[in-house]
Amino acid sequence: MGAWGRKVFQNDTALDLVDEVLDGTFDLDEFRKDFRREEDEGYLDASQGAALLALGALVRIARNEDHADLDVLLEHAEAEEVDLTDFIDQFSDEDIQTLRELIGVVIREPSSSELYELWEESGELEQWLEYSRQCLP
């Protein structure tokens, strides 16, 4: 998959989102607006899918749930720990459920997710799916 790796923070879209979260500029309301504007009849393009997976991983990490990319996040932040309180405080239970549903779309099938389709074509779909399921909050 070229510049992409199976891990959730191994692409530019995810790292841009991480940077917003780390520098305190991430705004869930703005993310919703941008996402709705780009959404196309239930089909999620690769960048939307990557952003949703990254968001799910960040929510899990912020809630102190296990996630394999915590070390990648800390390395990217060049820190031993990160405070994600302001980030997670933006999410209601309904937001978490919606995020869970959208990540489900990303990892469900190629007709609804370009990212799924690309990983299927790469021959590494099962490995990617196993890893991506860990992003469900």
N, C-alpha and C. Protein backbone atom coordinates (compact mmCIF):
# COMPACT_ATOMS: atom_id res chain seq x y z
N MET A 1 0.82 -1.19 0.00
CA MET A 1 0.00 0.00 0.00
C MET A 1 0.87 1.26 0.00
N GLY A 2 2.03 1.18 -0.56
CA GLY A 2 2.85 2.37 -0.71
C GLY A 2 3.26 2.98 0.61
N ALA A 3 2.81 4.22 0.85
CA ALA A 3 3.19 4.96 2.05
C ALA A 3 2.36 4.58 3.27
N TRP A 4 1.47 3.65 3.09
CA TRP A 4 0.60 3.24 4.18
C TRP A 4 1.17 2.02 4.87
N GLY A 5 0.93 1.94 6.14
CA GLY A 5 1.25 0.75 6.90
C GLY A 5 -0.02 0.26 7.57
N ARG A 6 0.00 -0.95 8.05
CA ARG A 6 -1.19 -1.49 8.71
C ARG A 6 -1.53 -0.74 9.99
N LYS A 7 -0.53 -0.25 10.68
CA LYS A 7 -0.79 0.45 11.94
C LYS A 7 -1.55 1.74 11.66
N VAL A 8 -2.39 2.10 12.60
CA VAL A 8 -3.32 3.20 12.40
C VAL A 8 -2.64 4.56 12.23
N PHE A 9 -1.49 4.76 12.83
CA PHE A 9 -0.82 6.06 12.71
C PHE A 9 0.28 6.05 11.66
N GLN A 10 0.19 5.17 10.68
CA GLN A 10 1.20 5.07 9.63
C GLN A 10 0.72 5.66 8.31
N ASN A 11 0.07 6.80 8.38
CA ASN A 11 -0.32 7.52 7.16
C ASN A 11 -0.48 9.00 7.49
N ASP A 12 -0.37 9.83 6.50
CA ASP A 12 -0.39 11.28 6.72
C ASP A 12 -1.71 11.78 7.31
N THR A 13 -2.84 11.24 6.86
CA THR A 13 -4.13 11.68 7.37
C THR A 13 -4.21 11.46 8.87
N ALA A 14 -3.83 10.28 9.32
CA ALA A 14 -3.87 9.96 10.75
C ALA A 14 -2.92 10.86 11.53
N LEU A 15 -1.72 11.07 11.01
CA LEU A 15 -0.75 11.89 11.73
C LEU A 15 -1.18 13.35 11.79
N ASP A 16 -1.85 13.84 10.77
CA ASP A 16 -2.39 15.20 10.82
C ASP A 16 -3.42 15.32 11.94
N LEU A 17 -4.28 14.32 12.07
CA LEU A 17 -5.27 14.31 13.13
C LEU A 17 -4.60 14.23 14.50
N VAL A 18 -3.61 13.37 14.63
CA VAL A 18 -2.85 13.25 15.88
C VAL A 18 -2.23 14.60 16.25
N ASP A 19 -1.64 15.27 15.28
CA ASP A 19 -1.03 16.57 15.55
C ASP A 19 -2.06 17.58 16.07
N GLU A 20 -3.25 17.59 15.49
CA GLU A 20 -4.32 18.48 15.97
C GLU A 20 -4.69 18.15 17.41
N VAL A 21 -4.80 16.87 17.71
CA VAL A 21 -5.14 16.46 19.07
C VAL A 21 -4.03 16.88 20.04
N LEU A 22 -2.79 16.63 19.67
CA LEU A 22 -1.67 16.92 20.56
C LEU A 22 -1.46 18.42 20.78
N ASP A 23 -1.73 19.22 19.74
CA ASP A 23 -1.52 20.67 19.93
C ASP A 23 -2.78 21.38 20.41
N GLY A 24 -3.85 20.62 20.65
CA GLY A 24 -5.06 21.18 21.23
C GLY A 24 -5.99 21.87 20.25
N THR A 25 -5.75 21.72 18.96
CA THR A 25 -6.61 22.38 17.97
C THR A 25 -7.71 21.48 17.42
N PHE A 26 -7.72 20.20 17.81
CA PHE A 26 -8.78 19.31 17.32
C PHE A 26 -10.11 19.77 17.88
N ASP A 27 -11.10 19.89 17.01
CA ASP A 27 -12.44 20.31 17.39
C ASP A 27 -13.41 19.28 16.80
N LEU A 28 -14.05 18.52 17.67
CA LEU A 28 -14.96 17.47 17.21
C LEU A 28 -16.09 18.04 16.37
N ASP A 29 -16.62 19.19 16.75
CA ASP A 29 -17.70 19.79 15.95
C ASP A 29 -17.23 20.12 14.54
N GLU A 30 -16.03 20.64 14.42
CA GLU A 30 -15.47 20.95 13.09
C GLU A 30 -15.23 19.67 12.30
N PHE A 31 -14.72 18.64 12.97
CA PHE A 31 -14.50 17.35 12.32
C PHE A 31 -15.82 16.81 11.76
N ARG A 32 -16.88 16.89 12.56
CA ARG A 32 -18.21 16.44 12.11
C ARG A 32 -18.63 17.19 10.86
N LYS A 33 -18.50 18.52 10.87
CA LYS A 33 -18.91 19.33 9.72
C LYS A 33 -18.13 18.93 8.47
N ASP A 34 -16.82 18.84 8.59
CA ASP A 34 -16.00 18.46 7.43
C ASP A 34 -16.35 17.06 6.95
N PHE A 35 -16.55 16.16 7.89
CA PHE A 35 -16.85 14.79 7.54
C PHE A 35 -18.18 14.69 6.80
N ARG A 36 -19.19 15.36 7.30
CA ARG A 36 -20.51 15.33 6.65
C ARG A 36 -20.46 15.94 5.26
N ARG A 37 -19.66 16.98 5.11
CA ARG A 37 -19.55 17.65 3.81
C ARG A 37 -18.90 16.72 2.78
N GLU A 38 -17.97 15.89 3.22
CA GLU A 38 -17.24 15.00 2.31
C GLU A 38 -17.93 13.66 2.10
N GLU A 39 -18.82 13.29 3.02
CA GLU A 39 -19.43 11.96 2.96
C GLU A 39 -20.26 11.81 1.68
N ASP A 40 -20.18 10.61 1.06
CA ASP A 40 -20.86 10.39 -0.21
C ASP A 40 -21.71 9.13 -0.12
N GLU A 41 -22.98 9.30 0.27
CA GLU A 41 -23.94 8.20 0.28
C GLU A 41 -23.43 6.91 0.93
N GLY A 42 -22.84 7.05 2.09
CA GLY A 42 -22.43 5.87 2.83
C GLY A 42 -21.10 5.26 2.42
N TYR A 43 -20.44 5.82 1.41
CA TYR A 43 -19.14 5.32 0.98
C TYR A 43 -18.07 6.19 1.61
N LEU A 44 -17.10 5.57 2.25
CA LEU A 44 -16.02 6.30 2.89
C LEU A 44 -14.74 6.14 2.09
N ASP A 45 -14.15 7.27 1.69
CA ASP A 45 -12.90 7.18 0.94
C ASP A 45 -11.76 6.85 1.91
N ALA A 46 -10.59 6.60 1.36
CA ALA A 46 -9.46 6.13 2.17
C ALA A 46 -9.07 7.14 3.24
N SER A 47 -9.07 8.41 2.94
CA SER A 47 -8.67 9.39 3.96
C SER A 47 -9.70 9.49 5.07
N GLN A 48 -10.98 9.38 4.73
CA GLN A 48 -12.01 9.37 5.76
C GLN A 48 -11.84 8.15 6.67
N GLY A 49 -11.61 7.01 6.05
CA GLY A 49 -11.41 5.79 6.83
C GLY A 49 -10.21 5.88 7.74
N ALA A 50 -9.11 6.42 7.22
CA ALA A 50 -7.89 6.57 8.02
C ALA A 50 -8.13 7.51 9.20
N ALA A 51 -8.86 8.60 8.97
CA ALA A 51 -9.16 9.55 10.05
C ALA A 51 -10.04 8.90 11.11
N LEU A 52 -11.03 8.13 10.70
CA LEU A 52 -11.91 7.47 11.66
C LEU A 52 -11.16 6.43 12.49
N LEU A 53 -10.30 5.65 11.86
CA LEU A 53 -9.51 4.67 12.60
C LEU A 53 -8.59 5.36 13.60
N ALA A 54 -7.97 6.45 13.18
CA ALA A 54 -7.09 7.19 14.08
C ALA A 54 -7.88 7.78 15.25
N LEU A 55 -9.06 8.30 14.95
CA LEU A 55 -9.90 8.86 15.99
C LEU A 55 -10.30 7.78 17.00
N GLY A 56 -10.66 6.61 16.49
CA GLY A 56 -11.00 5.50 17.38
C GLY A 56 -9.84 5.10 18.26
N ALA A 57 -8.65 5.03 17.69
CA ALA A 57 -7.46 4.67 18.46
C ALA A 57 -7.19 5.73 19.53
N LEU A 58 -7.32 6.98 19.18
CA LEU A 58 -7.09 8.06 20.14
C LEU A 58 -8.12 8.02 21.28
N VAL A 59 -9.36 7.73 20.95
CA VAL A 59 -10.40 7.61 21.99
C VAL A 59 -10.05 6.46 22.93
N ARG A 60 -9.66 5.32 22.38
CA ARG A 60 -9.28 4.18 23.23
C ARG A 60 -8.11 4.55 24.14
N ILE A 61 -7.11 5.19 23.58
CA ILE A 61 -5.94 5.58 24.38
C ILE A 61 -6.35 6.59 25.45
N ALA A 62 -7.17 7.57 25.08
CA ALA A 62 -7.62 8.58 26.04
C ALA A 62 -8.45 7.97 27.17
N ARG A 63 -9.15 6.89 26.89
CA ARG A 63 -9.97 6.21 27.90
C ARG A 63 -9.17 5.12 28.63
N ASN A 64 -7.87 5.11 28.43
CA ASN A 64 -6.97 4.14 29.06
C ASN A 64 -7.31 2.70 28.71
N GLU A 65 -7.82 2.51 27.50
CA GLU A 65 -8.06 1.17 26.99
C GLU A 65 -6.83 0.74 26.20
N ASP A 66 -6.58 -0.53 26.14
CA ASP A 66 -5.41 -1.02 25.41
C ASP A 66 -5.49 -0.65 23.94
N HIS A 67 -4.36 -0.24 23.41
CA HIS A 67 -4.22 -0.05 21.97
C HIS A 67 -2.76 -0.20 21.61
N ALA A 68 -2.50 -0.97 20.58
CA ALA A 68 -1.13 -1.31 20.18
C ALA A 68 -0.33 -0.09 19.72
N ASP A 69 -0.99 0.98 19.35
CA ASP A 69 -0.27 2.15 18.83
C ASP A 69 0.05 3.20 19.87
N LEU A 70 -0.16 2.91 21.14
CA LEU A 70 0.18 3.89 22.17
C LEU A 70 1.66 4.28 22.07
N ASP A 71 2.53 3.31 21.88
CA ASP A 71 3.96 3.61 21.76
C ASP A 71 4.26 4.47 20.54
N VAL A 72 3.53 4.25 19.45
CA VAL A 72 3.72 5.07 18.23
C VAL A 72 3.28 6.50 18.51
N LEU A 73 2.17 6.66 19.22
CA LEU A 73 1.67 7.98 19.57
C LEU A 73 2.69 8.71 20.45
N LEU A 74 3.21 8.04 21.46
CA LEU A 74 4.19 8.66 22.36
C LEU A 74 5.47 9.03 21.61
N GLU A 75 5.89 8.16 20.71
CA GLU A 75 7.08 8.45 19.92
C GLU A 75 6.84 9.68 19.04
N HIS A 76 5.67 9.74 18.41
CA HIS A 76 5.35 10.88 17.55
C HIS A 76 5.29 12.17 18.38
N ALA A 77 4.74 12.07 19.58
CA ALA A 77 4.63 13.24 20.47
C ALA A 77 5.96 13.60 21.12
N GLU A 78 6.93 12.71 20.98
CA GLU A 78 8.23 12.88 21.62
C GLU A 78 8.05 13.12 23.12
N ALA A 79 7.23 12.24 23.72
CA ALA A 79 6.92 12.36 25.14
C ALA A 79 6.76 10.97 25.76
N GLU A 80 6.84 10.94 27.08
CA GLU A 80 6.64 9.67 27.79
C GLU A 80 5.18 9.43 28.09
N GLU A 81 4.39 10.50 28.06
CA GLU A 81 2.94 10.39 28.22
C GLU A 81 2.28 11.59 27.57
N VAL A 82 1.00 11.45 27.27
CA VAL A 82 0.24 12.55 26.68
C VAL A 82 -1.05 12.72 27.47
N ASP A 83 -1.47 13.96 27.59
CA ASP A 83 -2.73 14.26 28.28
C ASP A 83 -3.79 14.49 27.21
N LEU A 84 -4.73 13.56 27.12
CA LEU A 84 -5.79 13.64 26.11
C LEU A 84 -7.13 14.03 26.73
N THR A 85 -7.10 14.65 27.91
CA THR A 85 -8.33 15.01 28.63
C THR A 85 -9.20 15.95 27.81
N ASP A 86 -8.62 17.04 27.29
CA ASP A 86 -9.41 18.00 26.51
C ASP A 86 -10.00 17.34 25.27
N PHE A 87 -9.25 16.44 24.67
CA PHE A 87 -9.73 15.71 23.49
C PHE A 87 -10.93 14.84 23.84
N ILE A 88 -10.80 13.98 24.83
CA ILE A 88 -11.88 13.02 25.14
C ILE A 88 -13.10 13.72 25.74
N ASP A 89 -12.90 14.86 26.38
CA ASP A 89 -14.03 15.59 26.97
C ASP A 89 -14.99 16.11 25.90
N GLN A 90 -14.57 16.15 24.65
CA GLN A 90 -15.44 16.61 23.57
C GLN A 90 -16.48 15.56 23.17
N PHE A 91 -16.28 14.30 23.59
CA PHE A 91 -17.10 13.19 23.13
C PHE A 91 -18.20 12.85 24.13
N SER A 92 -19.42 12.75 23.63
CA SER A 92 -20.52 12.22 24.42
C SER A 92 -20.59 10.71 24.17
N ASP A 93 -21.41 10.02 24.93
CA ASP A 93 -21.61 8.59 24.69
C ASP A 93 -22.16 8.36 23.29
N GLU A 94 -23.02 9.26 22.84
CA GLU A 94 -23.59 9.15 21.49
C GLU A 94 -22.49 9.31 20.43
N ASP A 95 -21.57 10.24 20.66
CA ASP A 95 -20.45 10.43 19.73
C ASP A 95 -19.61 9.16 19.63
N ILE A 96 -19.36 8.52 20.77
CA ILE A 96 -18.57 7.29 20.79
C ILE A 96 -19.29 6.20 20.01
N GLN A 97 -20.60 6.09 20.19
CA GLN A 97 -21.38 5.08 19.47
C GLN A 97 -21.36 5.35 17.97
N THR A 98 -21.50 6.61 17.57
CA THR A 98 -21.45 6.96 16.15
C THR A 98 -20.09 6.63 15.57
N LEU A 99 -19.03 6.95 16.30
CA LEU A 99 -17.68 6.63 15.84
C LEU A 99 -17.52 5.13 15.67
N ARG A 100 -18.02 4.38 16.61
CA ARG A 100 -17.96 2.92 16.54
C ARG A 100 -18.67 2.41 15.27
N GLU A 101 -19.84 2.96 14.99
CA GLU A 101 -20.60 2.56 13.81
C GLU A 101 -19.84 2.92 12.52
N LEU A 102 -19.26 4.10 12.48
CA LEU A 102 -18.53 4.53 11.29
C LEU A 102 -17.28 3.69 11.06
N ILE A 103 -16.58 3.35 12.13
CA ILE A 103 -15.43 2.47 11.99
C ILE A 103 -15.90 1.11 11.48
N GLY A 104 -17.06 0.68 11.93
CA GLY A 104 -17.64 -0.57 11.42
C GLY A 104 -17.83 -0.53 9.92
N VAL A 105 -18.23 0.62 9.39
CA VAL A 105 -18.38 0.78 7.94
C VAL A 105 -17.01 0.68 7.26
N VAL A 106 -15.99 1.29 7.85
CA VAL A 106 -14.64 1.27 7.27
C VAL A 106 -14.13 -0.15 7.12
N ILE A 107 -14.42 -1.01 8.09
CA ILE A 107 -13.85 -2.36 8.10
C ILE A 107 -14.84 -3.44 7.66
N ARG A 108 -15.96 -3.03 7.07
CA ARG A 108 -16.99 -4.01 6.71
C ARG A 108 -16.82 -4.65 5.34
N GLU A 109 -16.70 -3.84 4.30
CA GLU A 109 -16.67 -4.39 2.94
C GLU A 109 -16.24 -3.33 1.93
N PRO A 110 -15.78 -3.77 0.77
CA PRO A 110 -15.28 -2.81 -0.22
C PRO A 110 -16.36 -1.90 -0.81
N SER A 111 -17.61 -2.31 -0.78
CA SER A 111 -18.65 -1.46 -1.36
C SER A 111 -18.93 -0.23 -0.50
N SER A 112 -18.47 -0.22 0.74
CA SER A 112 -18.69 0.94 1.61
C SER A 112 -17.40 1.63 2.03
N SER A 113 -16.25 1.04 1.71
CA SER A 113 -14.99 1.57 2.21
C SER A 113 -13.85 1.40 1.20
N GLU A 114 -13.32 2.51 0.76
CA GLU A 114 -12.18 2.46 -0.15
C GLU A 114 -10.97 1.84 0.55
N LEU A 115 -10.81 2.12 1.83
CA LEU A 115 -9.67 1.58 2.56
C LEU A 115 -9.74 0.05 2.61
N TYR A 116 -10.91 -0.49 2.84
CA TYR A 116 -11.11 -1.94 2.83
C TYR A 116 -10.72 -2.49 1.46
N GLU A 117 -11.21 -1.82 0.44
CA GLU A 117 -10.94 -2.26 -0.94
C GLU A 117 -9.44 -2.26 -1.24
N LEU A 118 -8.75 -1.22 -0.82
CA LEU A 118 -7.31 -1.13 -1.06
C LEU A 118 -6.54 -2.23 -0.32
N TRP A 119 -6.93 -2.50 0.91
CA TRP A 119 -6.25 -3.56 1.67
C TRP A 119 -6.58 -4.93 1.11
N GLU A 120 -7.80 -5.09 0.60
CA GLU A 120 -8.16 -6.35 -0.03
C GLU A 120 -7.28 -6.59 -1.26
N GLU A 121 -7.08 -5.56 -2.06
CA GLU A 121 -6.24 -5.66 -3.25
C GLU A 121 -4.78 -5.91 -2.90
N SER A 122 -4.36 -5.47 -1.73
CA SER A 122 -2.95 -5.61 -1.33
C SER A 122 -2.60 -7.04 -0.92
N GLY A 123 -3.63 -7.85 -0.64
CA GLY A 123 -3.39 -9.20 -0.18
C GLY A 123 -3.14 -9.29 1.32
N GLU A 124 -3.27 -8.16 2.03
CA GLU A 124 -3.03 -8.12 3.47
C GLU A 124 -4.29 -7.75 4.25
N LEU A 125 -5.44 -8.04 3.67
CA LEU A 125 -6.71 -7.63 4.28
C LEU A 125 -6.88 -8.18 5.69
N GLU A 126 -6.67 -9.47 5.88
CA GLU A 126 -6.92 -10.08 7.19
C GLU A 126 -6.05 -9.45 8.27
N GLN A 127 -4.79 -9.18 7.97
CA GLN A 127 -3.90 -8.56 8.95
C GLN A 127 -4.39 -7.14 9.27
N TRP A 128 -4.78 -6.40 8.23
CA TRP A 128 -5.27 -5.04 8.44
C TRP A 128 -6.56 -5.05 9.25
N LEU A 129 -7.47 -5.97 8.93
CA LEU A 129 -8.73 -6.04 9.67
C LEU A 129 -8.49 -6.36 11.14
N GLU A 130 -7.62 -7.31 11.40
CA GLU A 130 -7.32 -7.68 12.78
C GLU A 130 -6.80 -6.46 13.55
N TYR A 131 -5.92 -5.73 12.94
CA TYR A 131 -5.36 -4.56 13.58
C TYR A 131 -6.40 -3.44 13.70
N SER A 132 -7.17 -3.22 12.65
CA SER A 132 -8.14 -2.11 12.64
C SER A 132 -9.28 -2.33 13.61
N ARG A 133 -9.64 -3.55 13.87
CA ARG A 133 -10.70 -3.82 14.86
C ARG A 133 -10.32 -3.32 16.24
N GLN A 134 -9.03 -3.20 16.49
CA GLN A 134 -8.57 -2.68 17.78
C GLN A 134 -8.87 -1.19 17.94
N CYS A 135 -9.31 -0.55 16.89
CA CYS A 135 -9.63 0.88 16.94
C CYS A 135 -11.07 1.14 17.37
N LEU A 136 -11.86 0.10 17.48
CA LEU A 136 -13.26 0.29 17.90
C LEU A 136 -13.30 0.70 19.36
N PRO A 137 -13.88 1.89 19.62
CA PRO A 137 -13.95 2.34 21.01
C PRO A 137 -15.04 1.61 21.79
